[in-house]
C-alpha atoms as a PDB file:
ATOM      1  CA  MET A   1     -98.558 255.993  57.978  1.00  0.00           C
ATOM      2  CA  LYS A   2     -97.740 259.264  60.016  1.00  0.00           C
ATOM      3  CA  SER A   3     -93.966 259.088  58.968  1.00  0.00           C
ATOM      4  CA  HIS A   4     -94.813 258.749  55.327  1.00  0.00           C
ATOM      5  CA  ARG A   5     -96.756 261.693  55.470  1.00  0.00           C
ATOM      6  CA  LEU A   6     -94.149 263.524  56.959  1.00  0.00           C
ATOM      7  CA  ALA A   7     -91.595 262.373  54.343  1.00  0.00           C
ATOM      8  CA  ILE A   8     -93.647 263.575  51.550  1.00  0.00           C
ATOM      9  CA  ALA A   9     -94.158 266.804  53.461  1.00  0.00           C
ATOM     10  CA  LEU A  10     -90.522 267.501  53.649  1.00  0.00           C
ATOM     11  CA  PHE A  11     -89.721 265.921  50.235  1.00  0.00           C
ATOM     12  CA  VAL A  12     -92.114 268.364  48.168  1.00  0.00           C
ATOM     13  CA  PRO A  13     -90.485 271.504  49.359  1.00  0.00           C
ATOM     14  CA  PHE A  14     -87.115 270.119  48.782  1.00  0.00           C
ATOM     15  CA  VAL A  15     -87.875 269.194  45.276  1.00  0.00           C
ATOM     16  CA  LEU A  16     -89.127 272.716  44.701  1.00  0.00           C
ATOM     17  CA  ALA A  17     -86.141 274.184  46.322  1.00  0.00           C
ATOM     18  CA  CYS A  18     -84.020 272.251  44.287  1.00  0.00           C
ATOM     19  CA  MET A  19     -85.861 273.158  40.845  1.00  0.00           C
ATOM     20  CA  VAL A  20     -85.500 276.844  41.910  1.00  0.00           C
ATOM     21  CA  GLY A  21     -81.907 276.301  42.435  1.00  0.00           C
ATOM     22  CA  ALA A  22     -81.294 274.422  39.189  1.00  0.00           C
ATOM     23  CA  THR A  23     -83.285 277.134  37.260  1.00  0.00           C
ATOM     24  CA  ALA A  24     -80.875 280.099  38.909  1.00  0.00           C
ATOM     25  CA  LEU A  25     -77.780 278.148  38.016  1.00  0.00           C
ATOM     26  CA  TRP A  26     -79.078 277.920  34.391  1.00  0.00           C
ATOM     27  CA  HIS A  27     -79.629 281.262  33.893  1.00  0.00           C
ATOM     28  CA  TYR A  28     -76.622 282.426  35.634  1.00  0.00           C
ATOM     29  CA  PRO A  29     -74.093 281.616  33.088  1.00  0.00           C
ATOM     30  CA  HIS A  30     -76.326 283.113  30.412  1.00  0.00           C
ATOM     31  CA  LEU A  31     -76.039 286.637  32.137  1.00  0.00           C
ATOM     32  CA  TYR A  32     -73.426 289.033  30.594  1.00  0.00           C
ATOM     33  CA  TYR A  33     -71.806 291.514  33.201  1.00  0.00           C
ATOM     34  CA  ALA A  34     -70.383 294.813  32.845  1.00  0.00           C
ATOM     35  CA  THR A  35     -66.371 294.266  32.692  1.00  0.00           C
ATOM     36  CA  PRO A  36     -63.559 296.734  31.134  1.00  0.00           C
ATOM     37  CA  GLU A  37     -63.712 294.156  28.123  1.00  0.00           C
ATOM     38  CA  THR A  38     -67.117 294.915  27.262  1.00  0.00           C
ATOM     39  CA  GLU A  39     -66.321 298.721  27.176  1.00  0.00           C
ATOM     40  CA  SER A  40     -64.909 300.003  23.737  1.00  0.00           C
ATOM     41  CA  ALA A  41     -61.602 302.151  23.681  1.00  0.00           C
ATOM     42  CA  PHE A  42     -63.893 305.130  22.719  1.00  0.00           C
ATOM     43  CA  LEU A  43     -66.261 304.743  25.599  1.00  0.00           C
ATOM     44  CA  LYS A  44     -63.017 304.438  27.772  1.00  0.00           C
ATOM     45  CA  SER A  45     -61.281 307.354  26.479  1.00  0.00           C
ATOM     46  CA  TYR A  46     -63.776 310.031  25.133  1.00  0.00           C
ATOM     47  CA  THR A  47     -63.456 313.211  26.783  1.00  0.00           C
ATOM     48  CA  PRO A  48     -64.654 316.799  25.492  1.00  0.00           C
ATOM     49  CA  LYS A  49     -62.451 318.622  28.059  1.00  0.00           C
ATOM     50  CA  ARG A  50     -59.552 319.881  25.980  1.00  0.00           C
ATOM     51  CA  VAL A  51     -62.262 321.619  23.489  1.00  0.00           C
ATOM     52  CA  ILE A  52     -64.054 322.881  26.510  1.00  0.00           C
ATOM     53  CA  ASP A  53     -60.818 324.371  28.148  1.00  0.00           C
ATOM     54  CA  ARG A  54     -59.979 325.936  24.704  1.00  0.00           C
ATOM     55  CA  PHE A  55     -63.197 328.117  24.659  1.00  0.00           C
ATOM     56  CA  ARG A  56     -64.262 328.767  28.175  1.00  0.00           C
ATOM     57  CA  ALA A  57     -63.703 332.120  29.820  1.00  0.00           C
ATOM     58  CA  LYS A  58     -61.506 331.908  32.968  1.00  0.00           C
ATOM     59  CA  GLU A  59     -64.325 332.203  35.188  1.00  0.00           C
ATOM     60  CA  SER A  60     -66.074 329.715  37.180  1.00  0.00           C
ATOM     61  CA  PHE A  61     -66.004 326.434  35.831  1.00  0.00           C
ATOM     62  CA  SER A  62     -67.745 322.979  36.913  1.00  0.00           C
ATOM     63  CA  HIS A  63     -68.203 319.583  35.415  1.00  0.00           C
ATOM     64  CA  THR A  64     -70.024 316.114  36.289  1.00  0.00           C
ATOM     65  CA  ARG A  65     -69.006 312.800  34.764  1.00  0.00           C
ATOM     66  CA  SER A  66     -71.527 309.875  34.839  1.00  0.00           C
ATOM     67  CA  PHE A  67     -71.243 306.162  34.059  1.00  0.00           C
ATOM     68  CA  GLY A  68     -73.470 303.319  34.470  1.00  0.00           C
ATOM     69  CA  SER A  69     -73.571 299.810  33.022  1.00  0.00           C
ATOM     70  CA  THR A  70     -76.473 297.129  33.092  1.00  0.00           C
ATOM     71  CA  ALA A  71     -75.997 293.156  32.772  1.00  0.00           C
ATOM     72  CA  GLY A  72     -77.830 291.251  30.139  1.00  0.00           C
ATOM     73  CA  ARG A  73     -78.684 288.113  28.741  1.00  0.00           C
ATOM     74  CA  SER A  74     -77.677 288.736  25.108  1.00  0.00           C
ATOM     75  CA  SER A  75     -75.598 292.061  25.492  1.00  0.00           C
ATOM     76  CA  VAL A  76     -74.340 294.625  28.180  1.00  0.00           C
ATOM     77  CA  SER A  77     -75.366 298.219  28.332  1.00  0.00           C
ATOM     78  CA  HIS A  78     -73.241 300.979  29.101  1.00  0.00           C
ATOM     79  CA  GLU A  79     -74.084 304.860  29.733  1.00  0.00           C
ATOM     80  CA  ALA A  80     -71.741 307.692  30.203  1.00  0.00           C
ATOM     81  CA  GLY A  81     -72.372 311.487  30.152  1.00  0.00           C
ATOM     82  CA  PHE A  82     -70.690 314.811  30.803  1.00  0.00           C
ATOM     83  CA  GLU A  83     -72.258 318.172  31.804  1.00  0.00           C
ATOM     84  CA  TYR A  84     -70.138 321.315  31.732  1.00  0.00           C
ATOM     85  CA  TYR A  85     -71.108 324.333  33.403  1.00  0.00           C
ATOM     86  CA  ILE A  86     -68.902 327.149  32.029  1.00  0.00           C
ATOM     87  CA  VAL A  87     -68.553 330.806  31.389  1.00  0.00           C
ATOM     88  CA  LEU A  88     -68.522 331.455  27.380  1.00  0.00           C
ATOM     89  CA  PRO A  89     -67.769 334.464  25.330  1.00  0.00           C
ATOM     90  CA  SER A  90     -71.168 334.779  23.316  1.00  0.00           C
ATOM     91  CA  GLU A  91     -69.473 334.925  20.083  1.00  0.00           C
ATOM     92  CA  ASN A  92     -67.836 331.670  20.799  1.00  0.00           C
ATOM     93  CA  TRP A  93     -70.860 329.553  21.134  1.00  0.00           C
ATOM     94  CA  MET A  94     -71.177 328.291  17.534  1.00  0.00           C
ATOM     95  CA  SER A  95     -67.316 327.660  17.286  1.00  0.00           C
ATOM     96  CA  LEU A  96     -67.364 325.727  20.532  1.00  0.00           C
ATOM     97  CA  MET A  97     -70.424 323.581  19.096  1.00  0.00           C
ATOM     98  CA  ASN A  98     -68.391 322.993  15.795  1.00  0.00           C
ATOM     99  CA  ALA A  99     -65.246 322.058  17.613  1.00  0.00           C
ATOM    100  CA  LEU A 100     -67.109 319.441  19.825  1.00  0.00           C
ATOM    101  CA  GLY A 101     -68.514 317.811  16.683  1.00  0.00           C
ATOM    102  CA  ASP A 102     -65.177 317.847  14.957  1.00  0.00           C
ATOM    103  CA  ASP A 103     -63.297 316.614  18.021  1.00  0.00           C
ATOM    104  CA  ALA A 104     -65.823 313.924  18.553  1.00  0.00           C
ATOM    105  CA  LEU A 105     -65.252 312.506  14.987  1.00  0.00           C
ATOM    106  CA  GLN A 106     -61.405 312.800  15.540  1.00  0.00           C
ATOM    107  CA  GLN A 107     -61.584 310.820  18.769  1.00  0.00           C
ATOM    108  CA  LEU A 108     -63.755 308.016  17.148  1.00  0.00           C
ATOM    109  CA  ALA A 109     -61.279 307.714  14.156  1.00  0.00           C
ATOM    110  CA  ASN A 110     -58.353 307.616  16.570  1.00  0.00           C
ATOM    111  CA  ASP A 111     -59.992 304.913  18.802  1.00  0.00           C
ATOM    112  CA  GLY A 112     -60.685 302.775  15.275  1.00  0.00           C
ATOM    113  CA  ALA A 113     -64.517 303.323  15.503  1.00  0.00           C
ATOM    114  CA  GLU A 114     -66.669 303.141  12.104  1.00  0.00           C
ATOM    115  CA  VAL A 115     -69.065 306.169  11.925  1.00  0.00           C
ATOM    116  CA  VAL A 116     -72.278 304.533  10.564  1.00  0.00           C
ATOM    117  CA  SER A 117     -74.382 307.949  10.678  1.00  0.00           C
ATOM    118  CA  HIS A 118     -73.633 311.316  11.585  1.00  0.00           C
ATOM    119  CA  SER A 119     -76.237 314.229  11.775  1.00  0.00           C
ATOM    120  CA  GLY A 120     -76.758 317.595  13.344  1.00  0.00           C
ATOM    121  CA  SER A 121     -75.743 321.023  13.432  1.00  0.00           C
ATOM    122  CA  PRO A 122     -74.121 323.557  15.844  1.00  0.00           C
ATOM    123  CA  ARG A 123     -77.636 324.940  16.851  1.00  0.00           C
ATOM    124  CA  ASN A 124     -79.347 321.644  17.117  1.00  0.00           C
ATOM    125  CA  GLY A 125     -76.550 319.452  18.508  1.00  0.00           C
ATOM    126  CA  PHE A 126     -74.947 316.686  16.875  1.00  0.00           C
ATOM    127  CA  ARG A 127     -75.456 312.645  17.067  1.00  0.00           C
ATOM    128  CA  PHE A 128     -72.711 310.098  16.003  1.00  0.00           C
ATOM    129  CA  ASP A 129     -73.610 306.368  15.629  1.00  0.00           C
ATOM    130  CA  TYR A 130     -70.727 304.113  15.498  1.00  0.00           C
ATOM    131  CA  LYS A 131     -69.427 300.451  15.595  1.00  0.00           C
ATOM    132  CA  MET A 132     -66.443 298.916  16.919  1.00  0.00           C
ATOM    133  CA  ASN A 133     -65.337 295.409  17.437  1.00  0.00           C
ATOM    134  CA  HIS A 134     -68.278 293.963  19.686  1.00  0.00           C
ATOM    135  CA  SER A 135     -70.237 297.253  20.219  1.00  0.00           C
ATOM    136  CA  ILE A 136     -72.298 299.532  18.669  1.00  0.00           C
ATOM    137  CA  GLY A 137     -72.970 302.982  20.205  1.00  0.00           C
ATOM    138  CA  SER A 138     -74.109 306.585  20.053  1.00  0.00           C
ATOM    139  CA  LEU A 139     -72.547 309.911  21.063  1.00  0.00           C
ATOM    140  CA  THR A 140     -74.997 312.921  21.134  1.00  0.00           C
ATOM    141  CA  ILE A 141     -73.812 316.539  21.928  1.00  0.00           C
ATOM    142  CA  LEU A 142     -76.842 318.262  22.898  1.00  0.00           C
ATOM    143  CA  PRO A 143     -77.586 322.005  22.004  1.00  0.00           C
ATOM    144  CA  SER A 144     -75.486 324.094  24.339  1.00  0.00           C
ATOM    145  CA  ALA A 145     -78.141 326.144  26.827  1.00  0.00           C
ATOM    146  CA  ILE A 146     -77.655 329.455  28.031  1.00  0.00           C
ATOM    147  CA  GLU A 147     -78.293 329.278  31.934  1.00  0.00           C
ATOM    148  CA  CYS A 148     -80.444 331.928  33.260  1.00  0.00           C
ATOM    149  CA  HIS A 149     -80.699 330.884  36.940  1.00  0.00           C
ATOM    150  CA  VAL A 150     -77.071 331.000  37.965  1.00  0.00           C
ATOM    151  CA  ARG A 151     -76.770 332.841  41.335  1.00  0.00           C
ATOM    152  CA  ARG A 152     -73.678 334.849  41.536  1.00  0.00           C
ATOM    153  CA  ASN A 153     -72.304 337.564  44.033  1.00  0.00           C
ATOM    154  CA  ARG A 154     -71.441 339.740  40.909  1.00  0.00           C
ATOM    155  CA  SER A 155     -72.624 339.826  37.452  1.00  0.00           C
ATOM    156  CA  LEU A 156     -70.472 338.593  34.448  1.00  0.00           C
ATOM    157  CA  PRO A 157     -68.454 341.121  32.452  1.00  0.00           C
ATOM    158  CA  GLU A 158     -70.487 342.411  29.258  1.00  0.00           C
ATOM    159  CA  GLY A 159     -70.272 339.662  26.516  1.00  0.00           C
ATOM    160  CA  LEU A 160     -69.883 336.637  28.772  1.00  0.00           C
ATOM    161  CA  GLU A 161     -72.781 334.037  29.597  1.00  0.00           C
ATOM    162  CA  ASP A 162     -73.084 330.980  31.654  1.00  0.00           C
ATOM    163  CA  VAL A 163     -73.630 328.180  29.335  1.00  0.00           C
ATOM    164  CA  THR A 164     -74.468 324.226  30.081  1.00  0.00           C
ATOM    165  CA  VAL A 165     -72.780 321.876  27.574  1.00  0.00           C
ATOM    166  CA  LYS A 166     -74.486 318.108  27.847  1.00  0.00           C
ATOM    167  CA  ILE A 167     -73.137 315.154  25.999  1.00  0.00           C
ATOM    168  CA  LYS A 168     -74.502 311.657  26.347  1.00  0.00           C
ATOM    169  CA  GLN A 169     -72.876 308.300  25.278  1.00  0.00           C
ATOM    170  CA  THR A 170     -74.696 304.989  25.114  1.00  0.00           C
ATOM    171  CA  GLU A 171     -73.225 301.688  24.060  1.00  0.00           C
ATOM    172  CA  GLN A 172     -74.057 298.033  23.609  1.00  0.00           C
ATOM    173  CA  TRP A 173     -71.631 295.214  23.845  1.00  0.00           C
ATOM    174  CA  TYR A 174     -72.423 291.754  22.211  1.00  0.00           C
ATOM    175  CA  PRO A 175     -70.480 288.739  23.172  1.00  0.00           C
ATOM    176  CA  ALA A 176     -70.679 287.227  19.659  1.00  0.00           C
ATOM    177  CA  GLY A 177     -70.032 290.319  17.695  1.00  0.00           C
ATOM    178  CA  ILE A 178     -72.022 292.894  16.053  1.00  0.00           C
ATOM    179  CA  GLY A 179     -72.939 290.941  12.822  1.00  0.00           C
ATOM    180  CA  ILE A 180     -76.316 292.161  11.417  1.00  0.00           C
ATOM    181  CA  ILE A 181     -78.086 294.098  14.277  1.00  0.00           C
ATOM    182  CA  ARG A 182     -81.473 296.194  14.216  1.00  0.00           C
ATOM    183  CA  ILE A 183     -80.777 299.784  15.265  1.00  0.00           C
ATOM    184  CA  GLY A 184     -84.586 301.300  15.124  1.00  0.00           C
ATOM    185  CA  SER A 185     -85.822 300.479  11.547  1.00  0.00           C
ATOM    186  CA  THR A 186     -82.398 300.279   9.828  1.00  0.00           C
ATOM    187  CA  SER A 187     -80.024 297.346   9.874  1.00  0.00           C
ATOM    188  CA  CYS A 188     -76.061 297.569  10.195  1.00  0.00           C
ATOM    189  CA  VAL A 189     -74.054 295.031   8.508  1.00  0.00           C
ATOM    190  CA  ARG A 190     -70.791 293.996   9.372  1.00  0.00           C
END
């Protein structure tokens, strides 16, 4: 009788462990992971550097690039961003913003993206929503901001300002393609 109870006491945890393992194996293949194949050509290649370099003064300059991805059961999410800290002649602020918007549209077209919506202005920033292949995404060029808290050994020459340019990119990749996908309260049809 004692061995029968021992067998049951060992059998129950074994069955529970098998159930947990089977559940994990069932869900594992249904999770999509970020790989280079889940990134659109635009996500891989977009850069505002050429435009920034055309407008910035030859003073101090720095930038950061961020990138991240999240696996998912029905899609893969990607996020990227740029932050440029530049010195800009005051009169070039609007021209820089317009050039960034025009360049983004050109790079989207070069990579074969279809722009499904485009909004904004140089003063308020720009947003481009696009789709291509298995991905939908957005590129947001935030309004440039004058930096008041930059520490310098010497002040900038007259007519120059410290400016921050921020650009955010998000993209969602779907294994079966886009088809009909809800974006907010609107839908996009392929």
